[in-house]
Amino acid sequence: MSASQSLRFEAAQRILIKDGPYGTGIQDEKLSAEAYCAGLDLLKDQKGNNDLLNITQPQVVRSICERFADAGAEILATNTFNANRISQADYGAESLVGDINEAAARIIREVADGAKDGRKRWVAGAIGPTNKTLSLSPDVNDPGYREVDFDQVKSVYREQIDALVRGGIDFVLIETVFDTLNCKAAIMAALEAEAALGRELPIMISMTLTDLSGRNLSGHTVEGFWASVRHARPLTIGLNCSFGAAQLRPHLAALARQAETLVMAYPNAGLPNELGEYDEVAEETAAQVREWLDEGLVNIVGGCCGTTPSHIAAIAGAVRDCTPRAVPASPSSTLLAGLEPMVLAA
């Protein structure tokens, strides 16, 4: 049974649990700049380059992953949100992208396969949006200007995906999508990597909203976003980051009505306070996520910014007896993509 088949089988029986963020756990470590670099000959200060820790402090990454697994997480993502050539250019660490991603995947693969409880776990290779946008100009005086083009971004993603595959991932997780065109470049890179492998390389996609209107930065509603990416036949579609569970609920409901695949959502621990920190306690987050399940909105749940292993454990406990969302049949009408969807009835 393939990884996608086993995940679909388990998701039909129960709610699956994804892990939480690495950033929150890494911040708690209070690592020095020297600890980030750990002897590497890099010209720029590496403090804050969390992805680099996969090769300089692998025990820190492993420990965070193990705590999420112990809390009940079954889908374990790699610590590679910014492990791409575009984002790593800020640190002058572009040459290390392959090593970072391969090491990250190996760490999480070992945790997933070596868990003492014997439960089935899957490894998702996390791919962030980069710090560039293909849809919008960074220069208000030149709307047509772009810092990167589609082929460049696709190439950057392909490099990352190939390294994650070498490390042993089960799925490619294209997450925190604020620009749908960036996501399409990642999808194309994943499909090309799949063709080169000669075997299935399932894709998970997760959108992030920029405000309560329910659109991402490139202007797509959740329905419009689904229409734009459904051709890739993703294993999961969903939402992450953005807000807390309560604020995500109406937008998640809109997506759940349309998507003929599994829905995965992992919210922040509420909204940040004036210092940018998250105050929502685990039990509160879990209660709000439970409401999603009572309405039949999701198949897989986890946590994003501000969530900890305690949040994941509370979520896992809260949804243990819930019935998974029923995946709807594919519509017979034609669905066309724009900032909002266009449906042509049969």
C-alpha atoms as a PDB file:
ATOM      1  CA  MET A   1       0.000   0.000   0.000  1.00  0.00           C
ATOM      2  CA  SER A   2       1.430   3.386  -0.999  1.00  0.00           C
ATOM      3  CA  ALA A   3       1.764   6.308   1.400  1.00  0.00           C
ATOM      4  CA  SER A   4      -1.224   8.082  -0.165  1.00  0.00           C
ATOM      5  CA  GLN A   5      -3.348   4.937  -0.051  1.00  0.00           C
ATOM      6  CA  SER A   6      -2.525   4.299   3.598  1.00  0.00           C
ATOM      7  CA  LEU A   7      -3.286   7.892   4.531  1.00  0.00           C
ATOM      8  CA  ARG A   8      -6.618   7.858   2.718  1.00  0.00           C
ATOM      9  CA  PHE A   9      -7.512   4.555   4.355  1.00  0.00           C
ATOM     10  CA  GLU A  10      -6.740   5.850   7.849  1.00  0.00           C
ATOM     11  CA  ALA A  11      -8.466   9.183   7.179  1.00  0.00           C
ATOM     12  CA  ALA A  12     -11.663   7.334   6.301  1.00  0.00           C
ATOM     13  CA  GLN A  13     -11.666   5.735   9.755  1.00  0.00           C
ATOM     14  CA  ARG A  14     -10.743   8.661  11.999  1.00  0.00           C
ATOM     15  CA  ILE A  15      -9.434  12.187  12.245  1.00  0.00           C
ATOM     16  CA  LEU A  16      -5.688  12.327  11.608  1.00  0.00           C
ATOM     17  CA  ILE A  17      -3.346  14.628  13.493  1.00  0.00           C
ATOM     18  CA  LYS A  18      -0.639  16.822  11.994  1.00  0.00           C
ATOM     19  CA  ASP A  19       2.169  18.280  14.073  1.00  0.00           C
ATOM     20  CA  GLY A  20       2.827  21.926  14.988  1.00  0.00           C
ATOM     21  CA  PRO A  21       5.486  24.503  14.045  1.00  0.00           C
ATOM     22  CA  TYR A  22       9.225  24.251  14.587  1.00  0.00           C
ATOM     23  CA  GLY A  23       9.659  27.991  15.037  1.00  0.00           C
ATOM     24  CA  THR A  24       7.915  28.127  18.410  1.00  0.00           C
ATOM     25  CA  GLY A  25      10.023  25.283  19.805  1.00  0.00           C
ATOM     26  CA  ILE A  26      13.242  26.714  18.378  1.00  0.00           C
ATOM     27  CA  GLN A  27      12.556  30.112  19.933  1.00  0.00           C
ATOM     28  CA  ASP A  28      12.243  28.413  23.306  1.00  0.00           C
ATOM     29  CA  GLU A  29      15.777  27.046  22.880  1.00  0.00           C
ATOM     30  CA  LYS A  30      17.213  30.607  22.852  1.00  0.00           C
ATOM     31  CA  LEU A  31      20.113  29.567  20.649  1.00  0.00           C
ATOM     32  CA  SER A  32      23.045  31.918  20.100  1.00  0.00           C
ATOM     33  CA  ALA A  33      24.276  33.008  16.689  1.00  0.00           C
ATOM     34  CA  GLU A  34      27.257  30.695  17.178  1.00  0.00           C
ATOM     35  CA  ALA A  35      24.948  27.760  17.842  1.00  0.00           C
ATOM     36  CA  TYR A  36      23.078  28.424  14.599  1.00  0.00           C
ATOM     37  CA  CYS A  37      26.301  28.490  12.603  1.00  0.00           C
ATOM     38  CA  ALA A  38      28.131  25.738  14.527  1.00  0.00           C
ATOM     39  CA  GLY A  39      31.443  26.251  12.772  1.00  0.00           C
ATOM     40  CA  LEU A  40      30.151  26.698   9.227  1.00  0.00           C
ATOM     41  CA  ASP A  41      32.089  29.278   7.253  1.00  0.00           C
ATOM     42  CA  LEU A  42      29.253  31.678   6.388  1.00  0.00           C
ATOM     43  CA  LEU A  43      29.729  35.412   6.036  1.00  0.00           C
ATOM     44  CA  LYS A  44      26.314  36.518   7.323  1.00  0.00           C
ATOM     45  CA  ASP A  45      24.808  36.197  10.789  1.00  0.00           C
ATOM     46  CA  GLN A  46      22.755  32.980  10.815  1.00  0.00           C
ATOM     47  CA  LYS A  47      20.706  33.694  13.941  1.00  0.00           C
ATOM     48  CA  GLY A  48      17.070  33.073  13.021  1.00  0.00           C
ATOM     49  CA  ASN A  49      17.897  30.731  10.149  1.00  0.00           C
ATOM     50  CA  ASN A  50      15.871  27.871  11.605  1.00  0.00           C
ATOM     51  CA  ASP A  51      16.289  25.670   8.546  1.00  0.00           C
ATOM     52  CA  LEU A  52      20.077  25.636   8.978  1.00  0.00           C
ATOM     53  CA  LEU A  53      19.628  23.831  12.292  1.00  0.00           C
ATOM     54  CA  ASN A  54      18.876  20.638  10.379  1.00  0.00           C
ATOM     55  CA  ILE A  55      22.630  20.344   9.750  1.00  0.00           C
ATOM     56  CA  THR A  56      24.110  22.347  12.622  1.00  0.00           C
ATOM     57  CA  GLN A  57      21.820  21.340  15.531  1.00  0.00           C
ATOM     58  CA  PRO A  58      19.958  18.238  14.346  1.00  0.00           C
ATOM     59  CA  GLN A  59      19.291  17.117  17.919  1.00  0.00           C
ATOM     60  CA  VAL A  60      17.161  20.242  18.473  1.00  0.00           C
ATOM     61  CA  VAL A  61      15.031  19.513  15.404  1.00  0.00           C
ATOM     62  CA  ARG A  62      14.745  15.844  16.330  1.00  0.00           C
ATOM     63  CA  SER A  63      13.673  16.666  19.893  1.00  0.00           C
ATOM     64  CA  ILE A  64      10.901  19.010  18.719  1.00  0.00           C
ATOM     65  CA  CYS A  65       9.631  16.408  16.247  1.00  0.00           C
ATOM     66  CA  GLU A  66       9.689  13.667  18.890  1.00  0.00           C
ATOM     67  CA  ARG A  67       7.637  15.811  21.258  1.00  0.00           C
ATOM     68  CA  PHE A  68       4.994  16.324  18.571  1.00  0.00           C
ATOM     69  CA  ALA A  69       4.958  12.594  17.828  1.00  0.00           C
ATOM     70  CA  ASP A  70       4.584  11.829  21.529  1.00  0.00           C
ATOM     71  CA  ALA A  71       1.676  14.305  21.627  1.00  0.00           C
ATOM     72  CA  GLY A  72      -0.167  12.258  19.003  1.00  0.00           C
ATOM     73  CA  ALA A  73       0.947  13.756  15.682  1.00  0.00           C
ATOM     74  CA  GLU A  74       0.870  11.270  12.805  1.00  0.00           C
ATOM     75  CA  ILE A  75       1.782  13.584   9.919  1.00  0.00           C
ATOM     76  CA  LEU A  76       5.227  14.980  10.686  1.00  0.00           C
ATOM     77  CA  ALA A  77       6.451  17.890   8.571  1.00  0.00           C
ATOM     78  CA  THR A  78      10.078  18.740   7.906  1.00  0.00           C
ATOM     79  CA  ASN A  79      11.745  21.869   9.284  1.00  0.00           C
ATOM     80  CA  THR A  80      12.222  23.320   5.792  1.00  0.00           C
ATOM     81  CA  PHE A  81       9.792  26.218   5.482  1.00  0.00           C
ATOM     82  CA  ASN A  82      12.526  28.576   4.210  1.00  0.00           C
ATOM     83  CA  ALA A  83      14.936  25.947   2.913  1.00  0.00           C
ATOM     84  CA  ASN A  84      14.933  27.224  -0.642  1.00  0.00           C
ATOM     85  CA  ARG A  85      17.520  29.171  -2.628  1.00  0.00           C
ATOM     86  CA  ILE A  86      15.469  32.399  -2.669  1.00  0.00           C
ATOM     87  CA  SER A  87      14.886  32.559   1.089  1.00  0.00           C
ATOM     88  CA  GLN A  88      18.356  31.309   1.993  1.00  0.00           C
ATOM     89  CA  ALA A  89      19.887  34.138  -0.051  1.00  0.00           C
ATOM     90  CA  ASP A  90      19.065  36.421   2.901  1.00  0.00           C
ATOM     91  CA  TYR A  91      21.620  34.413   4.903  1.00  0.00           C
ATOM     92  CA  GLY A  92      24.112  33.758   2.124  1.00  0.00           C
ATOM     93  CA  ALA A  93      23.427  30.043   2.547  1.00  0.00           C
ATOM     94  CA  GLU A  94      22.103  29.184  -0.908  1.00  0.00           C
ATOM     95  CA  SER A  95      24.786  26.540  -1.470  1.00  0.00           C
ATOM     96  CA  LEU A  96      23.511  24.548   1.521  1.00  0.00           C
ATOM     97  CA  VAL A  97      19.913  24.133   0.314  1.00  0.00           C
ATOM     98  CA  GLY A  98      20.360  20.537  -0.822  1.00  0.00           C
ATOM     99  CA  ASP A  99      22.118  19.478   2.384  1.00  0.00           C
ATOM    100  CA  ILE A 100      19.543  21.237   4.587  1.00  0.00           C
ATOM    101  CA  ASN A 101      16.545  19.586   2.949  1.00  0.00           C
ATOM    102  CA  GLU A 102      18.023  16.112   2.741  1.00  0.00           C
ATOM    103  CA  ALA A 103      19.137  16.233   6.377  1.00  0.00           C
ATOM    104  CA  ALA A 104      15.741  17.553   7.492  1.00  0.00           C
ATOM    105  CA  ALA A 105      13.870  14.753   5.752  1.00  0.00           C
ATOM    106  CA  ARG A 106      16.185  12.086   7.173  1.00  0.00           C
ATOM    107  CA  ILE A 107      15.676  13.373  10.724  1.00  0.00           C
ATOM    108  CA  ILE A 108      11.886  13.273  10.470  1.00  0.00           C
ATOM    109  CA  ARG A 109      11.908   9.958   8.604  1.00  0.00           C
ATOM    110  CA  GLU A 110      13.878   8.407  11.459  1.00  0.00           C
ATOM    111  CA  VAL A 111      11.449   9.769  14.044  1.00  0.00           C
ATOM    112  CA  ALA A 112       8.428   8.574  12.053  1.00  0.00           C
ATOM    113  CA  ASP A 113       9.814   5.083  11.542  1.00  0.00           C
ATOM    114  CA  GLY A 114      11.279   4.720  15.006  1.00  0.00           C
ATOM    115  CA  ALA A 115       8.344   5.780  17.173  1.00  0.00           C
ATOM    116  CA  LYS A 116       8.055   3.360  20.075  1.00  0.00           C
ATOM    117  CA  ASP A 117       4.242   3.258  20.030  1.00  0.00           C
ATOM    118  CA  GLY A 118       4.277   1.493  16.657  1.00  0.00           C
ATOM    119  CA  ARG A 119       1.716   3.844  15.083  1.00  0.00           C
ATOM    120  CA  LYS A 120       1.820   4.575  11.374  1.00  0.00           C
ATOM    121  CA  ARG A 121       3.272   8.011  10.647  1.00  0.00           C
ATOM    122  CA  TRP A 122       3.940   9.912   7.433  1.00  0.00           C
ATOM    123  CA  VAL A 123       6.584  12.503   6.536  1.00  0.00           C
ATOM    124  CA  ALA A 124       5.549  15.677   4.711  1.00  0.00           C
ATOM    125  CA  GLY A 125       8.261  17.743   3.059  1.00  0.00           C
ATOM    126  CA  ALA A 126       7.332  21.321   3.954  1.00  0.00           C
ATOM    127  CA  ILE A 127       7.731  23.938   1.218  1.00  0.00           C
ATOM    128  CA  GLY A 128       7.065  27.559   2.106  1.00  0.00           C
ATOM    129  CA  PRO A 129       6.025  30.378  -0.223  1.00  0.00           C
ATOM    130  CA  THR A 130       9.504  32.032  -0.440  1.00  0.00           C
ATOM    131  CA  ASN A 131       9.777  35.766   0.212  1.00  0.00           C
ATOM    132  CA  LYS A 132       9.000  36.720  -3.389  1.00  0.00           C
ATOM    133  CA  THR A 133       5.680  36.949  -5.212  1.00  0.00           C
ATOM    134  CA  LEU A 134       5.005  36.126  -8.850  1.00  0.00           C
ATOM    135  CA  SER A 135       1.616  37.833  -8.963  1.00  0.00           C
ATOM    136  CA  LEU A 136       2.451  41.275  -7.602  1.00  0.00           C
ATOM    137  CA  SER A 137       5.119  43.885  -8.227  1.00  0.00           C
ATOM    138  CA  PRO A 138       7.253  44.989  -5.260  1.00  0.00           C
ATOM    139  CA  ASP A 139       7.525  48.416  -6.941  1.00  0.00           C
ATOM    140  CA  VAL A 140       4.352  50.515  -6.729  1.00  0.00           C
ATOM    141  CA  ASN A 141       5.679  52.674  -9.566  1.00  0.00           C
ATOM    142  CA  ASP A 142       6.141  49.718 -11.920  1.00  0.00           C
ATOM    143  CA  PRO A 143       3.199  47.272 -11.773  1.00  0.00           C
ATOM    144  CA  GLY A 144       4.759  45.024 -14.411  1.00  0.00           C
ATOM    145  CA  TYR A 145       8.047  44.480 -12.578  1.00  0.00           C
ATOM    146  CA  ARG A 146       8.841  41.131 -10.969  1.00  0.00           C
ATOM    147  CA  GLU A 147      11.938  40.172  -8.972  1.00  0.00           C
ATOM    148  CA  VAL A 148      11.636  36.573 -10.164  1.00  0.00           C
ATOM    149  CA  ASP A 149       9.857  34.759 -12.972  1.00  0.00           C
ATOM    150  CA  PHE A 150       7.871  31.527 -13.022  1.00  0.00           C
ATOM    151  CA  ASP A 151      10.662  29.331 -14.335  1.00  0.00           C
ATOM    152  CA  GLN A 152      13.092  30.611 -11.701  1.00  0.00           C
ATOM    153  CA  VAL A 153      10.680  29.853  -8.869  1.00  0.00           C
ATOM    154  CA  LYS A 154       9.853  26.444 -10.314  1.00  0.00           C
ATOM    155  CA  SER A 155      13.572  25.635 -10.494  1.00  0.00           C
ATOM    156  CA  VAL A 156      14.084  26.712  -6.893  1.00  0.00           C
ATOM    157  CA  TYR A 157      11.228  24.487  -5.742  1.00  0.00           C
ATOM    158  CA  ARG A 158      12.477  21.555  -7.839  1.00  0.00           C
ATOM    159  CA  GLU A 159      15.875  21.744  -6.142  1.00  0.00           C
ATOM    160  CA  GLN A 160      14.202  21.641  -2.737  1.00  0.00           C
ATOM    161  CA  ILE A 161      11.800  18.832  -3.632  1.00  0.00           C
ATOM    162  CA  ASP A 162      14.543  16.633  -5.090  1.00  0.00           C
ATOM    163  CA  ALA A 163      16.559  16.942  -1.874  1.00  0.00           C
ATOM    164  CA  LEU A 164      13.524  16.207   0.306  1.00  0.00           C
ATOM    165  CA  VAL A 165      12.819  13.096  -1.765  1.00  0.00           C
ATOM    166  CA  ARG A 166      16.406  11.913  -1.288  1.00  0.00           C
ATOM    167  CA  GLY A 167      15.829  12.258   2.451  1.00  0.00           C
ATOM    168  CA  GLY A 168      12.748  10.033   2.383  1.00  0.00           C
ATOM    169  CA  ILE A 169       9.557  12.134   2.448  1.00  0.00           C
ATOM    170  CA  ASP A 170       6.147  10.644   1.693  1.00  0.00           C
ATOM    171  CA  PHE A 171       4.412  13.830   0.528  1.00  0.00           C
ATOM    172  CA  VAL A 172       5.231  17.328  -0.697  1.00  0.00           C
ATOM    173  CA  LEU A 173       3.460  19.889   1.512  1.00  0.00           C
ATOM    174  CA  ILE A 174       3.077  23.234  -0.281  1.00  0.00           C
ATOM    175  CA  GLU A 175       2.009  25.373   2.656  1.00  0.00           C
ATOM    176  CA  THR A 176       1.176  28.936   3.712  1.00  0.00           C
ATOM    177  CA  VAL A 177       0.334  29.840   0.117  1.00  0.00           C
ATOM    178  CA  PHE A 178      -0.147  33.604  -0.105  1.00  0.00           C
ATOM    179  CA  ASP A 179       0.369  33.767  -3.892  1.00  0.00           C
ATOM    180  CA  THR A 180      -1.462  31.239  -6.029  1.00  0.00           C
ATOM    181  CA  LEU A 181       1.033  31.603  -8.884  1.00  0.00           C
ATOM    182  CA  ASN A 182       3.904  30.681  -6.549  1.00  0.00           C
ATOM    183  CA  CYS A 183       1.866  27.612  -5.614  1.00  0.00           C
ATOM    184  CA  LYS A 184       1.439  26.701  -9.273  1.00  0.00           C
ATOM    185  CA  ALA A 185       5.224  26.860  -9.712  1.00  0.00           C
ATOM    186  CA  ALA A 186       5.609  24.480  -6.755  1.00  0.00           C
ATOM    187  CA  ILE A 187       2.965  22.156  -8.194  1.00  0.00           C
ATOM    188  CA  MET A 188       4.757  22.089 -11.547  1.00  0.00           C
ATOM    189  CA  ALA A 189       8.064  21.354  -9.812  1.00  0.00           C
ATOM    190  CA  ALA A 190       6.488  18.498  -7.854  1.00  0.00           C
ATOM    191  CA  LEU A 191       4.874  17.010 -10.965  1.00  0.00           C
ATOM    192  CA  GLU A 192       8.183  17.163 -12.825  1.00  0.00           C
ATOM    193  CA  ALA A 193       9.955  15.531  -9.869  1.00  0.00           C
ATOM    194  CA  GLU A 194       7.288  12.821  -9.849  1.00  0.00           C
ATOM    195  CA  ALA A 195       7.802  12.142 -13.547  1.00  0.00           C
ATOM    196  CA  ALA A 196      11.565  11.907 -13.048  1.00  0.00           C
ATOM    197  CA  LEU A 197      11.115   9.490 -10.146  1.00  0.00           C
ATOM    198  CA  GLY A 198       8.761   7.259 -12.086  1.00  0.00           C
ATOM    199  CA  ARG A 199       6.531   6.821  -9.054  1.00  0.00           C
ATOM    200  CA  GLU A 200       3.826   8.684  -7.186  1.00  0.00           C
ATOM    201  CA  LEU A 201       4.837  11.824  -5.266  1.00  0.00           C
ATOM    202  CA  PRO A 202       1.617  13.045  -3.596  1.00  0.00           C
ATOM    203  CA  ILE A 203       1.014  16.748  -3.072  1.00  0.00           C
ATOM    204  CA  MET A 204      -0.604  18.472  -0.097  1.00  0.00           C
ATOM    205  CA  ILE A 205      -1.616  22.128  -0.509  1.00  0.00           C
ATOM    206  CA  SER A 206      -2.428  24.645   2.206  1.00  0.00           C
ATOM    207  CA  MET A 207      -3.524  28.233   1.608  1.00  0.00           C
ATOM    208  CA  THR A 208      -3.137  31.168   4.004  1.00  0.00           C
ATOM    209  CA  LEU A 209      -5.508  34.132   4.203  1.00  0.00           C
ATOM    210  CA  THR A 210      -4.314  37.710   4.560  1.00  0.00           C
ATOM    211  CA  ASP A 211      -7.473  39.135   6.147  1.00  0.00           C
ATOM    212  CA  LEU A 212     -10.929  38.181   7.348  1.00  0.00           C
ATOM    213  CA  SER A 213     -12.419  38.740   3.886  1.00  0.00           C
ATOM    214  CA  GLY A 214     -11.101  35.271   3.075  1.00  0.00           C
ATOM    215  CA  ARG A 215      -8.599  36.035   0.319  1.00  0.00           C
ATOM    216  CA  ASN A 216      -4.892  35.398  -0.027  1.00  0.00           C
ATOM    217  CA  LEU A 217      -2.388  38.066  -1.094  1.00  0.00           C
ATOM    218  CA  SER A 218      -2.934  37.390  -4.797  1.00  0.00           C
ATOM    219  CA  GLY A 219      -6.662  37.975  -4.278  1.00  0.00           C
ATOM    220  CA  HIS A 220      -8.121  34.481  -4.482  1.00  0.00           C
ATOM    221  CA  THR A 221     -11.009  33.369  -2.337  1.00  0.00           C
ATOM    222  CA  VAL A 222     -10.767  29.835  -0.966  1.00  0.00           C
ATOM    223  CA  GLU A 223     -13.199  28.657  -3.652  1.00  0.00           C
ATOM    224  CA  GLY A 224     -11.202  30.423  -6.370  1.00  0.00           C
ATOM    225  CA  PHE A 225      -7.990  28.948  -5.001  1.00  0.00           C
ATOM    226  CA  TRP A 226      -9.413  25.433  -5.087  1.00  0.00           C
ATOM    227  CA  ALA A 227     -10.529  25.941  -8.683  1.00  0.00           C
ATOM    228  CA  SER A 228      -6.978  27.049  -9.510  1.00  0.00           C
ATOM    229  CA  VAL A 229      -5.164  24.036  -8.030  1.00  0.00           C
ATOM    230  CA  ARG A 230      -7.604  21.112  -8.217  1.00  0.00           C
ATOM    231  CA  HIS A 231      -6.086  19.993 -11.540  1.00  0.00           C
ATOM    232  CA  ALA A 232      -3.076  18.779  -9.510  1.00  0.00           C
ATOM    233  CA  ARG A 233      -5.328  16.271  -7.714  1.00  0.00           C
ATOM    234  CA  PRO A 234      -3.816  17.054  -4.304  1.00  0.00           C
ATOM    235  CA  LEU A 235      -4.014  14.459  -1.580  1.00  0.00           C
ATOM    236  CA  THR A 236      -5.149  17.234   0.776  1.00  0.00           C
ATOM    237  CA  ILE A 237      -6.265  20.836   0.449  1.00  0.00           C
ATOM    238  CA  GLY A 238      -6.730  23.238   3.312  1.00  0.00           C
ATOM    239  CA  LEU A 239      -5.822  26.301   5.306  1.00  0.00           C
ATOM    240  CA  ASN A 240      -3.052  27.076   7.746  1.00  0.00           C
ATOM    241  CA  CYS A 241      -1.634  30.009   9.669  1.00  0.00           C
ATOM    242  CA  SER A 242      -3.740  33.150   8.982  1.00  0.00           C
ATOM    243  CA  PHE A 243      -5.776  33.249  12.209  1.00  0.00           C
ATOM    244  CA  GLY A 244      -7.035  31.130  15.030  1.00  0.00           C
ATOM    245  CA  ALA A 245      -9.505  28.303  14.551  1.00  0.00           C
ATOM    246  CA  ALA A 246     -12.553  30.471  15.263  1.00  0.00           C
ATOM    247  CA  GLN A 247     -11.688  33.000  12.537  1.00  0.00           C
ATOM    248  CA  LEU A 248     -10.864  30.267  10.007  1.00  0.00           C
ATOM    249  CA  ARG A 249     -14.133  28.388  10.439  1.00  0.00           C
ATOM    250  CA  PRO A 250     -16.343  30.138   7.820  1.00  0.00           C
ATOM    251  CA  HIS A 251     -13.604  29.976   5.192  1.00  0.00           C
ATOM    252  CA  LEU A 252     -12.884  26.353   5.993  1.00  0.00           C
ATOM    253  CA  ALA A 253     -16.580  25.605   5.622  1.00  0.00           C
ATOM    254  CA  ALA A 254     -16.590  27.161   2.145  1.00  0.00           C
ATOM    255  CA  LEU A 255     -13.627  25.029   1.111  1.00  0.00           C
ATOM    256  CA  ALA A 256     -15.012  21.825   2.648  1.00  0.00           C
ATOM    257  CA  ARG A 257     -18.210  22.139   0.589  1.00  0.00           C
ATOM    258  CA  GLN A 258     -16.298  22.131  -2.689  1.00  0.00           C
ATOM    259  CA  ALA A 259     -13.122  20.104  -2.345  1.00  0.00           C
ATOM    260  CA  GLU A 260     -13.426  16.509  -3.525  1.00  0.00           C
ATOM    261  CA  THR A 261     -10.348  15.475  -1.554  1.00  0.00           C
ATOM    262  CA  LEU A 262      -9.232  15.382   2.078  1.00  0.00           C
ATOM    263  CA  VAL A 263      -9.250  18.710   3.937  1.00  0.00           C
ATOM    264  CA  MET A 264      -6.390  19.480   6.327  1.00  0.00           C
ATOM    265  CA  ALA A 265      -6.297  22.618   8.470  1.00  0.00           C
ATOM    266  CA  TYR A 266      -3.871  23.805  11.118  1.00  0.00           C
ATOM    267  CA  PRO A 267      -4.595  27.174  12.740  1.00  0.00           C
ATOM    268  CA  ASN A 268      -2.512  29.505  14.840  1.00  0.00           C
ATOM    269  CA  ALA A 269      -2.977  29.586  18.598  1.00  0.00           C
ATOM    270  CA  GLY A 270      -5.494  32.385  18.239  1.00  0.00           C
ATOM    271  CA  LEU A 271      -4.534  35.910  17.212  1.00  0.00           C
ATOM    272  CA  PRO A 272      -1.194  37.422  18.304  1.00  0.00           C
ATOM    273  CA  ASN A 273      -1.074  40.011  21.077  1.00  0.00           C
ATOM    274  CA  GLU A 274       0.516  43.458  20.762  1.00  0.00           C
ATOM    275  CA  LEU A 275       3.966  41.872  21.165  1.00  0.00           C
ATOM    276  CA  GLY A 276       3.340  39.328  18.414  1.00  0.00           C
ATOM    277  CA  GLU A 277       3.037  36.464  20.884  1.00  0.00           C
ATOM    278  CA  TYR A 278       0.253  33.891  21.151  1.00  0.00           C
ATOM    279  CA  ASP A 279      -1.705  33.608  24.377  1.00  0.00           C
ATOM    280  CA  GLU A 280      -4.374  31.052  23.477  1.00  0.00           C
ATOM    281  CA  VAL A 281      -4.015  28.020  25.735  1.00  0.00           C
ATOM    282  CA  ALA A 282      -4.112  24.470  24.423  1.00  0.00           C
ATOM    283  CA  GLU A 283      -7.586  23.668  25.716  1.00  0.00           C
ATOM    284  CA  GLU A 284      -9.101  26.719  24.040  1.00  0.00           C
ATOM    285  CA  THR A 285      -7.528  25.906  20.674  1.00  0.00           C
ATOM    286  CA  ALA A 286      -8.678  22.289  20.970  1.00  0.00           C
ATOM    287  CA  ALA A 287     -12.262  23.304  21.791  1.00  0.00           C
ATOM    288  CA  GLN A 288     -12.429  25.537  18.714  1.00  0.00           C
ATOM    289  CA  VAL A 289     -10.973  22.819  16.473  1.00  0.00           C
ATOM    290  CA  ARG A 290     -13.534  20.405  17.900  1.00  0.00           C
ATOM    291  CA  GLU A 291     -16.265  22.705  16.552  1.00  0.00           C
ATOM    292  CA  TRP A 292     -14.851  22.159  13.065  1.00  0.00           C
ATOM    293  CA  LEU A 293     -15.364  18.436  13.512  1.00  0.00           C
ATOM    294  CA  ASP A 294     -18.872  18.853  14.886  1.00  0.00           C
ATOM    295  CA  GLU A 295     -19.707  20.579  11.592  1.00  0.00           C
ATOM    296  CA  GLY A 296     -17.906  17.953   9.481  1.00  0.00           C
ATOM    297  CA  LEU A 297     -15.379  20.343   7.976  1.00  0.00           C
ATOM    298  CA  VAL A 298     -12.021  18.554   8.146  1.00  0.00           C
ATOM    299  CA  ASN A 299     -10.206  15.228   7.930  1.00  0.00           C
ATOM    300  CA  ILE A 300      -6.799  16.229   9.325  1.00  0.00           C
ATOM    301  CA  VAL A 301      -6.025  18.838  12.002  1.00  0.00           C
ATOM    302  CA  GLY A 302      -2.873  20.262  13.558  1.00  0.00           C
ATOM    303  CA  GLY A 303      -1.325  23.517  14.688  1.00  0.00           C
ATOM    304  CA  CYS A 304       0.577  26.452  13.237  1.00  0.00           C
ATOM    305  CA  CYS A 305       2.134  29.589  14.789  1.00  0.00           C
ATOM    306  CA  GLY A 306       2.166  29.618  18.570  1.00  0.00           C
ATOM    307  CA  THR A 307       1.027  26.032  18.992  1.00  0.00           C
ATOM    308  CA  THR A 308       3.099  23.593  21.043  1.00  0.00           C
ATOM    309  CA  PRO A 309       3.101  19.838  21.715  1.00  0.00           C
ATOM    310  CA  SER A 310       0.573  20.614  24.467  1.00  0.00           C
ATOM    311  CA  HIS A 311      -1.762  22.132  21.863  1.00  0.00           C
ATOM    312  CA  ILE A 312      -1.364  19.098  19.601  1.00  0.00           C
ATOM    313  CA  ALA A 313      -2.044  16.710  22.487  1.00  0.00           C
ATOM    314  CA  ALA A 314      -5.163  18.679  23.453  1.00  0.00           C
ATOM    315  CA  ILE A 315      -6.405  18.698  19.845  1.00  0.00           C
ATOM    316  CA  ALA A 316      -5.763  14.960  19.506  1.00  0.00           C
ATOM    317  CA  GLY A 317      -7.747  14.313  22.658  1.00  0.00           C
ATOM    318  CA  ALA A 318     -10.608  16.589  21.669  1.00  0.00           C
ATOM    319  CA  VAL A 319     -11.195  14.984  18.261  1.00  0.00           C
ATOM    320  CA  ARG A 320     -10.602  11.342  19.186  1.00  0.00           C
ATOM    321  CA  ASP A 321     -14.277  10.373  18.953  1.00  0.00           C
ATOM    322  CA  CYS A 322     -15.180  12.580  15.976  1.00  0.00           C
ATOM    323  CA  THR A 323     -16.415  11.331  12.619  1.00  0.00           C
ATOM    324  CA  PRO A 324     -14.219  12.293   9.654  1.00  0.00           C
ATOM    325  CA  ARG A 325     -15.563  14.650   7.015  1.00  0.00           C
ATOM    326  CA  ALA A 326     -17.201  12.839   4.113  1.00  0.00           C
ATOM    327  CA  VAL A 327     -15.332  13.640   0.895  1.00  0.00           C
ATOM    328  CA  PRO A 328     -17.891  14.806  -1.699  1.00  0.00           C
ATOM    329  CA  ALA A 329     -18.112  13.367  -5.190  1.00  0.00           C
ATOM    330  CA  SER A 330     -16.597  15.317  -8.063  1.00  0.00           C
ATOM    331  CA  PRO A 331     -19.072  17.854  -9.442  1.00  0.00           C
ATOM    332  CA  SER A 332     -20.629  17.307 -12.851  1.00  0.00           C
ATOM    333  CA  SER A 333     -20.484  21.027 -13.645  1.00  0.00           C
ATOM    334  CA  THR A 334     -17.477  22.828 -15.114  1.00  0.00           C
ATOM    335  CA  LEU A 335     -15.413  24.774 -12.574  1.00  0.00           C
ATOM    336  CA  LEU A 336     -13.230  27.570 -13.927  1.00  0.00           C
ATOM    337  CA  ALA A 337     -10.589  29.472 -11.971  1.00  0.00           C
ATOM    338  CA  GLY A 338     -10.355  33.193 -11.359  1.00  0.00           C
ATOM    339  CA  LEU A 339     -10.015  35.298  -8.240  1.00  0.00           C
ATOM    340  CA  GLU A 340     -13.443  33.828  -7.616  1.00  0.00           C
ATOM    341  CA  PRO A 341     -14.686  30.592  -9.201  1.00  0.00           C
ATOM    342  CA  MET A 342     -16.949  30.432 -12.223  1.00  0.00           C
ATOM    343  CA  VAL A 343     -19.296  27.449 -12.305  1.00  0.00           C
ATOM    344  CA  LEU A 344     -20.895  26.412 -15.595  1.00  0.00           C
ATOM    345  CA  ALA A 345     -23.889  24.254 -14.807  1.00  0.00           C
ATOM    346  CA  ALA A 346     -24.522  21.186 -16.912  1.00  0.00           C
END
